[in-house]
Amino acid sequence: MTVISIPLPVGRSVAWRRRLAQFGPSGLLGLVVLTFWVLAALFGPALLARSGAQGGGAVFAPINAHHWLGTDYLGRDMLARVIEGARYTVGVALVATLLASGTGTLLALLAAASGRWIDGTLSRLLDTLTAIPSKMFALLIVAGFGSSVPVLILTAAVIYVPGAYRIGRSLAVNINAMDYVTVARTRGEGTWYVMRREILPNILGPMLADLGLRFVYVVLLLASLSFLGLGVQPPMADWGSLVRENIGALADGGASVIAPAGAIASLTIAVNLVIDNLPGRKARERGAR
């Protein structure tokens, strides 16, 4: 008698556990820290609305039972300020990064799938933009149009579009030379189909990794602008402006200046840990060797 075994479907929870197990210890640590800051940006300000962030307490108070990260230069609870600042640091940087990477990837696909004239024109225009130092360009835009959240988002996006374009184009050009792309063109498929169905799925993984690195660059750019007083303006505050506001506590090593700086460091390190441990990346590196 023949016994036929029917494989049981793997549950979603088991699949998620397998994916998380592929990250490794350092990748899971980065994922936990990154998730914490994303949740803090989404829900933190509402949860800490009544946490005593209005001020009136002791200025630059040390860490204690009532203020886990001390107080700032106006006596406001520093934990509430850092979590509130996550909304602008993470939110503005994420929107700018998605805009930069999305635009750069789209232009890269267009350049690779189109003729040499479009490829050359896009490449030379973006090379011109790359020649301008990023911080100098940001300072000029902010000085000319003022500092607001939309201006900061557009400025950061424009600065990092060329980098995303260069990475995407280098990948897309190689894919465009593959036989299956030639077959798609032979059977009459248009440029949009080739971009969307043939090239994009094959460069999506590396572009997601590049998106994470670009997010780190945007966070550091916006933090540096805010530290110079040209980023997010009061009463809003991101982590860079919190460092600038509480710079007076630096001589005594106060928590009010160390906390936002540590938040920037933890976010950037967490993103890099997640990128370095993306599922399948180590296997691809072993295969390349």
C-alpha atoms as a PDB file:
ATOM      1  CA  MET A   1       0.000   0.000   0.000  1.00  0.00           C
ATOM      2  CA  THR A   2       1.364   3.398  -0.961  1.00  0.00           C
ATOM      3  CA  VAL A   3       1.219   6.102   1.645  1.00  0.00           C
ATOM      4  CA  ILE A   4       0.816   9.592   0.259  1.00  0.00           C
ATOM      5  CA  SER A   5       2.084  12.327   2.557  1.00  0.00           C
ATOM      6  CA  ILE A   6       0.529  15.716   2.178  1.00  0.00           C
ATOM      7  CA  PRO A   7       2.759  18.574   3.362  1.00  0.00           C
ATOM      8  CA  LEU A   8       1.077  20.797   5.876  1.00  0.00           C
ATOM      9  CA  PRO A   9       1.069  24.536   5.147  1.00  0.00           C
ATOM     10  CA  VAL A  10       3.470  26.540   7.234  1.00  0.00           C
ATOM     11  CA  GLY A  11       1.705  29.086   9.413  1.00  0.00           C
ATOM     12  CA  ARG A  12       2.430  32.756   9.160  1.00  0.00           C
ATOM     13  CA  SER A  13       3.886  32.834  12.660  1.00  0.00           C
ATOM     14  CA  VAL A  14       6.384  30.109  11.795  1.00  0.00           C
ATOM     15  CA  ALA A  15       7.364  31.951   8.604  1.00  0.00           C
ATOM     16  CA  TRP A  16       7.930  35.167  10.534  1.00  0.00           C
ATOM     17  CA  ARG A  17      10.059  33.325  13.102  1.00  0.00           C
ATOM     18  CA  ARG A  18      12.227  31.912  10.359  1.00  0.00           C
ATOM     19  CA  ARG A  19      12.692  35.321   8.809  1.00  0.00           C
ATOM     20  CA  LEU A  20      13.603  36.876  12.139  1.00  0.00           C
ATOM     21  CA  ALA A  21      16.026  34.024  12.886  1.00  0.00           C
ATOM     22  CA  GLN A  22      17.923  34.886   9.705  1.00  0.00           C
ATOM     23  CA  PHE A  23      18.841  38.312  11.101  1.00  0.00           C
ATOM     24  CA  GLY A  24      21.171  36.952  13.763  1.00  0.00           C
ATOM     25  CA  PRO A  25      21.716  38.462  17.245  1.00  0.00           C
ATOM     26  CA  SER A  26      23.102  41.813  16.069  1.00  0.00           C
ATOM     27  CA  GLY A  27      20.432  42.170  13.394  1.00  0.00           C
ATOM     28  CA  LEU A  28      17.669  41.425  15.900  1.00  0.00           C
ATOM     29  CA  LEU A  29      19.141  44.008  18.278  1.00  0.00           C
ATOM     30  CA  GLY A  30      19.127  46.604  15.523  1.00  0.00           C
ATOM     31  CA  LEU A  31      15.577  45.642  14.565  1.00  0.00           C
ATOM     32  CA  VAL A  32      14.380  46.044  18.160  1.00  0.00           C
ATOM     33  CA  VAL A  33      15.987  49.493  18.506  1.00  0.00           C
ATOM     34  CA  LEU A  34      14.680  50.616  15.125  1.00  0.00           C
ATOM     35  CA  THR A  35      11.167  49.386  15.944  1.00  0.00           C
ATOM     36  CA  PHE A  36      11.286  51.208  19.267  1.00  0.00           C
ATOM     37  CA  TRP A  37      12.118  54.538  17.649  1.00  0.00           C
ATOM     38  CA  VAL A  38       9.495  54.095  14.925  1.00  0.00           C
ATOM     39  CA  LEU A  39       6.834  53.336  17.555  1.00  0.00           C
ATOM     40  CA  ALA A  40       8.066  56.287  19.624  1.00  0.00           C
ATOM     41  CA  ALA A  41       7.697  58.558  16.607  1.00  0.00           C
ATOM     42  CA  LEU A  42       4.175  57.284  15.921  1.00  0.00           C
ATOM     43  CA  PHE A  43       2.683  56.989  19.406  1.00  0.00           C
ATOM     44  CA  GLY A  44       5.170  58.510  21.856  1.00  0.00           C
ATOM     45  CA  PRO A  45       4.022  62.150  21.824  1.00  0.00           C
ATOM     46  CA  ALA A  46       0.401  61.132  22.509  1.00  0.00           C
ATOM     47  CA  LEU A  47       1.404  58.812  25.382  1.00  0.00           C
ATOM     48  CA  LEU A  48       3.692  61.404  27.007  1.00  0.00           C
ATOM     49  CA  ALA A  49       1.436  64.425  26.518  1.00  0.00           C
ATOM     50  CA  ARG A  50       0.976  64.746  30.289  1.00  0.00           C
ATOM     51  CA  SER A  51       4.487  63.867  31.383  1.00  0.00           C
ATOM     52  CA  GLY A  52       5.533  67.303  32.596  1.00  0.00           C
ATOM     53  CA  ALA A  53       7.153  68.613  29.424  1.00  0.00           C
ATOM     54  CA  GLN A  54       5.845  72.143  30.022  1.00  0.00           C
ATOM     55  CA  GLY A  55       8.835  73.183  32.102  1.00  0.00           C
ATOM     56  CA  GLY A  56       9.075  74.864  35.483  1.00  0.00           C
ATOM     57  CA  GLY A  57      11.323  72.238  37.078  1.00  0.00           C
ATOM     58  CA  ALA A  58      14.987  72.430  37.961  1.00  0.00           C
ATOM     59  CA  VAL A  59      17.191  73.387  35.023  1.00  0.00           C
ATOM     60  CA  PHE A  60      19.572  70.660  33.821  1.00  0.00           C
ATOM     61  CA  ALA A  61      18.468  68.342  36.606  1.00  0.00           C
ATOM     62  CA  PRO A  62      20.327  65.017  36.715  1.00  0.00           C
ATOM     63  CA  ILE A  63      18.719  61.643  36.093  1.00  0.00           C
ATOM     64  CA  ASN A  64      16.296  60.802  38.886  1.00  0.00           C
ATOM     65  CA  ALA A  65      13.141  58.821  39.590  1.00  0.00           C
ATOM     66  CA  HIS A  66      10.867  61.578  38.219  1.00  0.00           C
ATOM     67  CA  HIS A  67      12.985  62.477  35.179  1.00  0.00           C
ATOM     68  CA  TRP A  68      14.655  59.403  33.737  1.00  0.00           C
ATOM     69  CA  LEU A  69      16.808  61.490  31.399  1.00  0.00           C
ATOM     70  CA  GLY A  70      16.955  64.638  33.503  1.00  0.00           C
ATOM     71  CA  THR A  71      15.573  68.007  32.439  1.00  0.00           C
ATOM     72  CA  ASP A  72      16.515  70.517  29.767  1.00  0.00           C
ATOM     73  CA  TYR A  73      17.466  74.187  29.899  1.00  0.00           C
ATOM     74  CA  LEU A  74      13.851  75.150  30.716  1.00  0.00           C
ATOM     75  CA  GLY A  75      13.261  72.405  33.250  1.00  0.00           C
ATOM     76  CA  ARG A  76      11.242  70.209  30.881  1.00  0.00           C
ATOM     77  CA  ASP A  77      11.362  66.424  31.101  1.00  0.00           C
ATOM     78  CA  MET A  78      14.076  65.265  28.723  1.00  0.00           C
ATOM     79  CA  LEU A  79      12.589  61.821  28.070  1.00  0.00           C
ATOM     80  CA  ALA A  80       9.412  63.437  26.771  1.00  0.00           C
ATOM     81  CA  ARG A  81      11.467  65.847  24.645  1.00  0.00           C
ATOM     82  CA  VAL A  82      13.536  63.060  23.085  1.00  0.00           C
ATOM     83  CA  ILE A  83      10.471  60.971  22.269  1.00  0.00           C
ATOM     84  CA  GLU A  84       8.711  64.018  20.855  1.00  0.00           C
ATOM     85  CA  GLY A  85      11.815  64.792  18.807  1.00  0.00           C
ATOM     86  CA  ALA A  86      11.696  61.284  17.330  1.00  0.00           C
ATOM     87  CA  ARG A  87       8.559  62.303  15.453  1.00  0.00           C
ATOM     88  CA  TYR A  88      10.495  64.910  13.485  1.00  0.00           C
ATOM     89  CA  THR A  89      13.866  63.147  13.251  1.00  0.00           C
ATOM     90  CA  VAL A  90      12.471  59.784  12.128  1.00  0.00           C
ATOM     91  CA  GLY A  91       9.436  61.133  10.272  1.00  0.00           C
ATOM     92  CA  VAL A  92      11.129  63.874   8.246  1.00  0.00           C
ATOM     93  CA  ALA A  93      14.133  61.675   7.449  1.00  0.00           C
ATOM     94  CA  LEU A  94      11.946  58.743   6.406  1.00  0.00           C
ATOM     95  CA  VAL A  95       9.786  60.825   4.051  1.00  0.00           C
ATOM     96  CA  ALA A  96      12.854  62.503   2.531  1.00  0.00           C
ATOM     97  CA  THR A  97      14.611  59.156   2.098  1.00  0.00           C
ATOM     98  CA  LEU A  98      11.617  57.513   0.437  1.00  0.00           C
ATOM     99  CA  LEU A  99      11.294  60.490  -1.898  1.00  0.00           C
ATOM    100  CA  ALA A 100      15.015  60.485  -2.757  1.00  0.00           C
ATOM    101  CA  SER A 101      15.322  56.733  -3.250  1.00  0.00           C
ATOM    102  CA  GLY A 102      12.041  56.455  -5.127  1.00  0.00           C
ATOM    103  CA  THR A 103      12.931  59.277  -7.509  1.00  0.00           C
ATOM    104  CA  GLY A 104      16.482  58.045  -7.985  1.00  0.00           C
ATOM    105  CA  THR A 105      15.337  54.488  -8.680  1.00  0.00           C
ATOM    106  CA  LEU A 106      12.683  55.636 -11.166  1.00  0.00           C
ATOM    107  CA  LEU A 107      15.196  57.792 -13.042  1.00  0.00           C
ATOM    108  CA  ALA A 108      17.702  54.921 -13.008  1.00  0.00           C
ATOM    109  CA  LEU A 109      15.157  52.552 -14.530  1.00  0.00           C
ATOM    110  CA  LEU A 110      14.274  55.128 -17.172  1.00  0.00           C
ATOM    111  CA  ALA A 111      17.934  55.721 -18.032  1.00  0.00           C
ATOM    112  CA  ALA A 112      18.728  52.005 -18.314  1.00  0.00           C
ATOM    113  CA  ALA A 113      15.633  51.064 -20.307  1.00  0.00           C
ATOM    114  CA  SER A 114      15.695  54.064 -22.657  1.00  0.00           C
ATOM    115  CA  GLY A 115      18.160  55.142 -25.273  1.00  0.00           C
ATOM    116  CA  ARG A 116      21.587  56.671 -24.821  1.00  0.00           C
ATOM    117  CA  TRP A 117      20.273  60.215 -25.228  1.00  0.00           C
ATOM    118  CA  ILE A 118      18.019  60.036 -22.153  1.00  0.00           C
ATOM    119  CA  ASP A 119      20.660  58.118 -20.196  1.00  0.00           C
ATOM    120  CA  GLY A 120      23.356  60.667 -20.977  1.00  0.00           C
ATOM    121  CA  THR A 121      21.142  63.670 -20.243  1.00  0.00           C
ATOM    122  CA  LEU A 122      19.984  62.357 -16.857  1.00  0.00           C
ATOM    123  CA  SER A 123      23.486  61.296 -15.858  1.00  0.00           C
ATOM    124  CA  ARG A 124      25.059  64.656 -16.699  1.00  0.00           C
ATOM    125  CA  LEU A 125      22.327  66.645 -14.927  1.00  0.00           C
ATOM    126  CA  LEU A 126      22.633  64.598 -11.757  1.00  0.00           C
ATOM    127  CA  ASP A 127      26.431  64.675 -11.942  1.00  0.00           C
ATOM    128  CA  THR A 128      26.173  68.457 -11.877  1.00  0.00           C
ATOM    129  CA  LEU A 129      24.067  68.259  -8.735  1.00  0.00           C
ATOM    130  CA  THR A 130      26.540  65.834  -7.156  1.00  0.00           C
ATOM    131  CA  ALA A 131      29.355  68.352  -7.664  1.00  0.00           C
ATOM    132  CA  ILE A 132      27.705  70.736  -5.167  1.00  0.00           C
ATOM    133  CA  PRO A 133      28.639  69.947  -1.530  1.00  0.00           C
ATOM    134  CA  SER A 134      25.535  68.661   0.247  1.00  0.00           C
ATOM    135  CA  LYS A 135      25.688  70.882   3.312  1.00  0.00           C
ATOM    136  CA  MET A 136      26.450  73.971   1.244  1.00  0.00           C
ATOM    137  CA  PHE A 137      23.465  73.227  -0.993  1.00  0.00           C
ATOM    138  CA  ALA A 138      21.235  72.711   2.063  1.00  0.00           C
ATOM    139  CA  LEU A 139      22.396  75.998   3.600  1.00  0.00           C
ATOM    140  CA  LEU A 140      21.678  77.878   0.374  1.00  0.00           C
ATOM    141  CA  ILE A 141      18.178  76.420   0.044  1.00  0.00           C
ATOM    142  CA  VAL A 142      17.294  77.076   3.686  1.00  0.00           C
ATOM    143  CA  ALA A 143      18.683  80.615   3.494  1.00  0.00           C
ATOM    144  CA  GLY A 144      16.686  81.321   0.343  1.00  0.00           C
ATOM    145  CA  PHE A 145      13.356  79.669   1.166  1.00  0.00           C
ATOM    146  CA  GLY A 146      13.344  79.543   4.967  1.00  0.00           C
ATOM    147  CA  SER A 147      13.397  76.560   7.290  1.00  0.00           C
ATOM    148  CA  SER A 148      10.208  74.518   7.340  1.00  0.00           C
ATOM    149  CA  VAL A 149       9.443  70.817   7.328  1.00  0.00           C
ATOM    150  CA  PRO A 150       8.456  70.696   3.610  1.00  0.00           C
ATOM    151  CA  VAL A 151      11.596  72.643   2.627  1.00  0.00           C
ATOM    152  CA  LEU A 152      13.801  70.320   4.690  1.00  0.00           C
ATOM    153  CA  ILE A 153      12.192  67.236   3.148  1.00  0.00           C
ATOM    154  CA  LEU A 154      12.597  68.501  -0.423  1.00  0.00           C
ATOM    155  CA  THR A 155      16.154  69.705   0.229  1.00  0.00           C
ATOM    156  CA  ALA A 156      17.300  66.371   1.665  1.00  0.00           C
ATOM    157  CA  ALA A 157      15.534  64.483  -1.109  1.00  0.00           C
ATOM    158  CA  VAL A 158      17.159  66.532  -3.881  1.00  0.00           C
ATOM    159  CA  ILE A 159      20.598  66.138  -2.287  1.00  0.00           C
ATOM    160  CA  TYR A 160      20.417  62.336  -2.179  1.00  0.00           C
ATOM    161  CA  VAL A 161      18.611  61.632  -5.455  1.00  0.00           C
ATOM    162  CA  PRO A 162      21.919  61.506  -7.426  1.00  0.00           C
ATOM    163  CA  GLY A 163      23.397  58.863  -5.107  1.00  0.00           C
ATOM    164  CA  ALA A 164      20.337  56.650  -5.373  1.00  0.00           C
ATOM    165  CA  TYR A 165      20.328  57.187  -9.140  1.00  0.00           C
ATOM    166  CA  ARG A 166      23.954  56.124  -9.505  1.00  0.00           C
ATOM    167  CA  ILE A 167      23.455  52.926  -7.494  1.00  0.00           C
ATOM    168  CA  GLY A 168      20.216  52.081  -9.282  1.00  0.00           C
ATOM    169  CA  ARG A 169      21.601  52.798 -12.749  1.00  0.00           C
ATOM    170  CA  SER A 170      24.694  50.658 -12.222  1.00  0.00           C
ATOM    171  CA  LEU A 171      22.435  47.741 -11.303  1.00  0.00           C
ATOM    172  CA  ALA A 172      19.770  48.394 -13.925  1.00  0.00           C
ATOM    173  CA  VAL A 173      22.224  48.657 -16.826  1.00  0.00           C
ATOM    174  CA  ASN A 174      23.545  45.169 -16.089  1.00  0.00           C
ATOM    175  CA  ILE A 175      20.023  43.732 -15.852  1.00  0.00           C
ATOM    176  CA  ASN A 176      19.008  45.489 -19.052  1.00  0.00           C
ATOM    177  CA  ALA A 177      21.701  43.539 -20.929  1.00  0.00           C
ATOM    178  CA  MET A 178      20.296  40.152 -19.855  1.00  0.00           C
ATOM    179  CA  ASP A 179      18.736  37.775 -22.367  1.00  0.00           C
ATOM    180  CA  TYR A 180      15.275  37.779 -20.790  1.00  0.00           C
ATOM    181  CA  VAL A 181      15.074  41.557 -21.201  1.00  0.00           C
ATOM    182  CA  THR A 182      16.010  41.175 -24.863  1.00  0.00           C
ATOM    183  CA  VAL A 183      13.299  38.532 -25.236  1.00  0.00           C
ATOM    184  CA  ALA A 184      10.749  40.879 -23.644  1.00  0.00           C
ATOM    185  CA  ARG A 185      11.651  43.643 -26.091  1.00  0.00           C
ATOM    186  CA  THR A 186      11.514  41.185 -29.004  1.00  0.00           C
ATOM    187  CA  ARG A 187       7.959  40.171 -28.215  1.00  0.00           C
ATOM    188  CA  GLY A 188       6.945  43.830 -28.312  1.00  0.00           C
ATOM    189  CA  GLU A 189       6.971  44.921 -24.666  1.00  0.00           C
ATOM    190  CA  GLY A 190       7.363  48.658 -24.083  1.00  0.00           C
ATOM    191  CA  THR A 191       9.799  50.589 -21.936  1.00  0.00           C
ATOM    192  CA  TRP A 192       7.422  50.865 -18.971  1.00  0.00           C
ATOM    193  CA  TYR A 193       6.866  47.087 -18.930  1.00  0.00           C
ATOM    194  CA  VAL A 194      10.608  46.400 -19.056  1.00  0.00           C
ATOM    195  CA  MET A 195      11.236  48.860 -16.244  1.00  0.00           C
ATOM    196  CA  ARG A 196       8.470  47.554 -14.009  1.00  0.00           C
ATOM    197  CA  ARG A 197       8.449  43.811 -14.664  1.00  0.00           C
ATOM    198  CA  GLU A 198      11.946  42.884 -15.841  1.00  0.00           C
ATOM    199  CA  ILE A 199      14.451  45.281 -14.220  1.00  0.00           C
ATOM    200  CA  LEU A 200      12.869  46.532 -10.986  1.00  0.00           C
ATOM    201  CA  PRO A 201      12.298  43.114  -9.313  1.00  0.00           C
ATOM    202  CA  ASN A 202      15.958  42.231  -9.883  1.00  0.00           C
ATOM    203  CA  ILE A 203      17.387  45.397  -8.303  1.00  0.00           C
ATOM    204  CA  LEU A 204      14.863  45.757  -5.482  1.00  0.00           C
ATOM    205  CA  GLY A 205      16.985  44.022  -2.811  1.00  0.00           C
ATOM    206  CA  PRO A 206      20.131  46.140  -3.270  1.00  0.00           C
ATOM    207  CA  MET A 207      18.031  49.296  -3.561  1.00  0.00           C
ATOM    208  CA  LEU A 208      16.315  48.553  -0.236  1.00  0.00           C
ATOM    209  CA  ALA A 209      19.729  48.187   1.385  1.00  0.00           C
ATOM    210  CA  ASP A 210      20.781  51.484  -0.193  1.00  0.00           C
ATOM    211  CA  LEU A 211      17.575  53.064   1.124  1.00  0.00           C
ATOM    212  CA  GLY A 212      18.627  52.176   4.666  1.00  0.00           C
ATOM    213  CA  LEU A 213      22.048  53.754   4.229  1.00  0.00           C
ATOM    214  CA  ARG A 214      20.510  56.826   2.637  1.00  0.00           C
ATOM    215  CA  PHE A 215      18.172  57.131   5.627  1.00  0.00           C
ATOM    216  CA  VAL A 216      21.223  57.340   7.897  1.00  0.00           C
ATOM    217  CA  TYR A 217      22.740  60.063   5.703  1.00  0.00           C
ATOM    218  CA  VAL A 218      19.511  62.078   5.796  1.00  0.00           C
ATOM    219  CA  VAL A 219      19.242  61.760   9.592  1.00  0.00           C
ATOM    220  CA  LEU A 220      22.790  63.079  10.019  1.00  0.00           C
ATOM    221  CA  LEU A 221      22.222  65.908   7.527  1.00  0.00           C
ATOM    222  CA  LEU A 222      19.025  67.091   9.203  1.00  0.00           C
ATOM    223  CA  ALA A 223      20.584  66.779  12.663  1.00  0.00           C
ATOM    224  CA  SER A 224      23.552  68.900  11.584  1.00  0.00           C
ATOM    225  CA  LEU A 225      21.242  71.557  10.132  1.00  0.00           C
ATOM    226  CA  SER A 226      19.202  71.631  13.326  1.00  0.00           C
ATOM    227  CA  PHE A 227      22.361  71.908  15.404  1.00  0.00           C
ATOM    228  CA  LEU A 228      23.247  74.996  13.380  1.00  0.00           C
ATOM    229  CA  GLY A 229      19.769  76.421  14.004  1.00  0.00           C
ATOM    230  CA  LEU A 230      18.643  75.963  10.390  1.00  0.00           C
ATOM    231  CA  GLY A 231      16.617  72.775  10.750  1.00  0.00           C
ATOM    232  CA  VAL A 232      13.354  72.154  12.559  1.00  0.00           C
ATOM    233  CA  GLN A 233      12.317  75.391  14.271  1.00  0.00           C
ATOM    234  CA  PRO A 234      10.713  75.940  17.729  1.00  0.00           C
ATOM    235  CA  PRO A 235       8.290  75.021  19.140  1.00  0.00           C
ATOM    236  CA  MET A 236       9.032  71.850  17.170  1.00  0.00           C
ATOM    237  CA  ALA A 237      12.276  70.083  17.965  1.00  0.00           C
ATOM    238  CA  ASP A 238      14.247  67.188  16.580  1.00  0.00           C
ATOM    239  CA  TRP A 239      17.273  65.542  18.164  1.00  0.00           C
ATOM    240  CA  GLY A 240      19.767  67.890  16.519  1.00  0.00           C
ATOM    241  CA  SER A 241      18.018  70.963  17.888  1.00  0.00           C
ATOM    242  CA  LEU A 242      17.796  69.331  21.341  1.00  0.00           C
ATOM    243  CA  VAL A 243      21.579  68.986  21.366  1.00  0.00           C
ATOM    244  CA  ARG A 244      21.937  72.646  20.403  1.00  0.00           C
ATOM    245  CA  GLU A 245      19.440  73.846  23.014  1.00  0.00           C
ATOM    246  CA  ASN A 246      21.137  71.976  25.848  1.00  0.00           C
ATOM    247  CA  ILE A 247      24.743  72.535  24.845  1.00  0.00           C
ATOM    248  CA  GLY A 248      25.229  74.396  28.138  1.00  0.00           C
ATOM    249  CA  ALA A 249      25.080  71.064  29.999  1.00  0.00           C
ATOM    250  CA  LEU A 250      27.997  69.645  28.014  1.00  0.00           C
ATOM    251  CA  ALA A 251      30.644  70.905  30.440  1.00  0.00           C
ATOM    252  CA  ASP A 252      29.089  68.872  33.263  1.00  0.00           C
ATOM    253  CA  GLY A 253      28.219  65.886  31.072  1.00  0.00           C
ATOM    254  CA  GLY A 254      24.512  66.495  31.585  1.00  0.00           C
ATOM    255  CA  ALA A 255      22.004  63.917  30.400  1.00  0.00           C
ATOM    256  CA  SER A 256      20.047  66.618  28.558  1.00  0.00           C
ATOM    257  CA  VAL A 257      22.752  66.924  25.911  1.00  0.00           C
ATOM    258  CA  ILE A 258      23.915  63.301  25.964  1.00  0.00           C
ATOM    259  CA  ALA A 259      20.406  61.817  25.552  1.00  0.00           C
ATOM    260  CA  PRO A 260      19.546  63.267  22.097  1.00  0.00           C
ATOM    261  CA  ALA A 261      23.079  62.619  20.854  1.00  0.00           C
ATOM    262  CA  GLY A 262      22.769  59.021  22.050  1.00  0.00           C
ATOM    263  CA  ALA A 263      19.390  58.737  20.342  1.00  0.00           C
ATOM    264  CA  ILE A 264      20.938  59.783  17.003  1.00  0.00           C
ATOM    265  CA  ALA A 265      23.760  57.281  17.478  1.00  0.00           C
ATOM    266  CA  SER A 266      21.417  54.433  18.457  1.00  0.00           C
ATOM    267  CA  LEU A 267      19.159  55.046  15.439  1.00  0.00           C
ATOM    268  CA  THR A 268      21.993  55.144  12.915  1.00  0.00           C
ATOM    269  CA  ILE A 269      23.733  52.086  14.405  1.00  0.00           C
ATOM    270  CA  ALA A 270      20.444  50.159  14.490  1.00  0.00           C
ATOM    271  CA  VAL A 271      19.760  50.866  10.811  1.00  0.00           C
ATOM    272  CA  ASN A 272      23.268  49.711   9.875  1.00  0.00           C
ATOM    273  CA  LEU A 273      22.881  46.514  11.918  1.00  0.00           C
ATOM    274  CA  VAL A 274      19.615  45.715  10.158  1.00  0.00           C
ATOM    275  CA  ILE A 275      21.145  46.373   6.740  1.00  0.00           C
ATOM    276  CA  ASP A 276      24.196  44.225   7.463  1.00  0.00           C
ATOM    277  CA  ASN A 277      21.990  41.316   8.542  1.00  0.00           C
ATOM    278  CA  LEU A 278      19.245  41.421   5.914  1.00  0.00           C
ATOM    279  CA  PRO A 279      17.942  37.883   5.183  1.00  0.00           C
ATOM    280  CA  GLY A 280      19.754  36.371   2.226  1.00  0.00           C
ATOM    281  CA  ARG A 281      22.595  38.890   2.159  1.00  0.00           C
ATOM    282  CA  LYS A 282      25.146  36.607   3.803  1.00  0.00           C
ATOM    283  CA  ALA A 283      24.185  33.759   1.492  1.00  0.00           C
ATOM    284  CA  ARG A 284      24.676  36.019  -1.541  1.00  0.00           C
ATOM    285  CA  GLU A 285      28.075  37.104  -0.230  1.00  0.00           C
ATOM    286  CA  ARG A 286      29.161  33.468   0.226  1.00  0.00           C
ATOM    287  CA  GLY A 287      27.961  32.667  -3.273  1.00  0.00           C
ATOM    288  CA  ALA A 288      29.928  35.606  -4.690  1.00  0.00           C
ATOM    289  CA  ARG A 289      33.107  34.225  -3.202  1.00  0.00           C
END
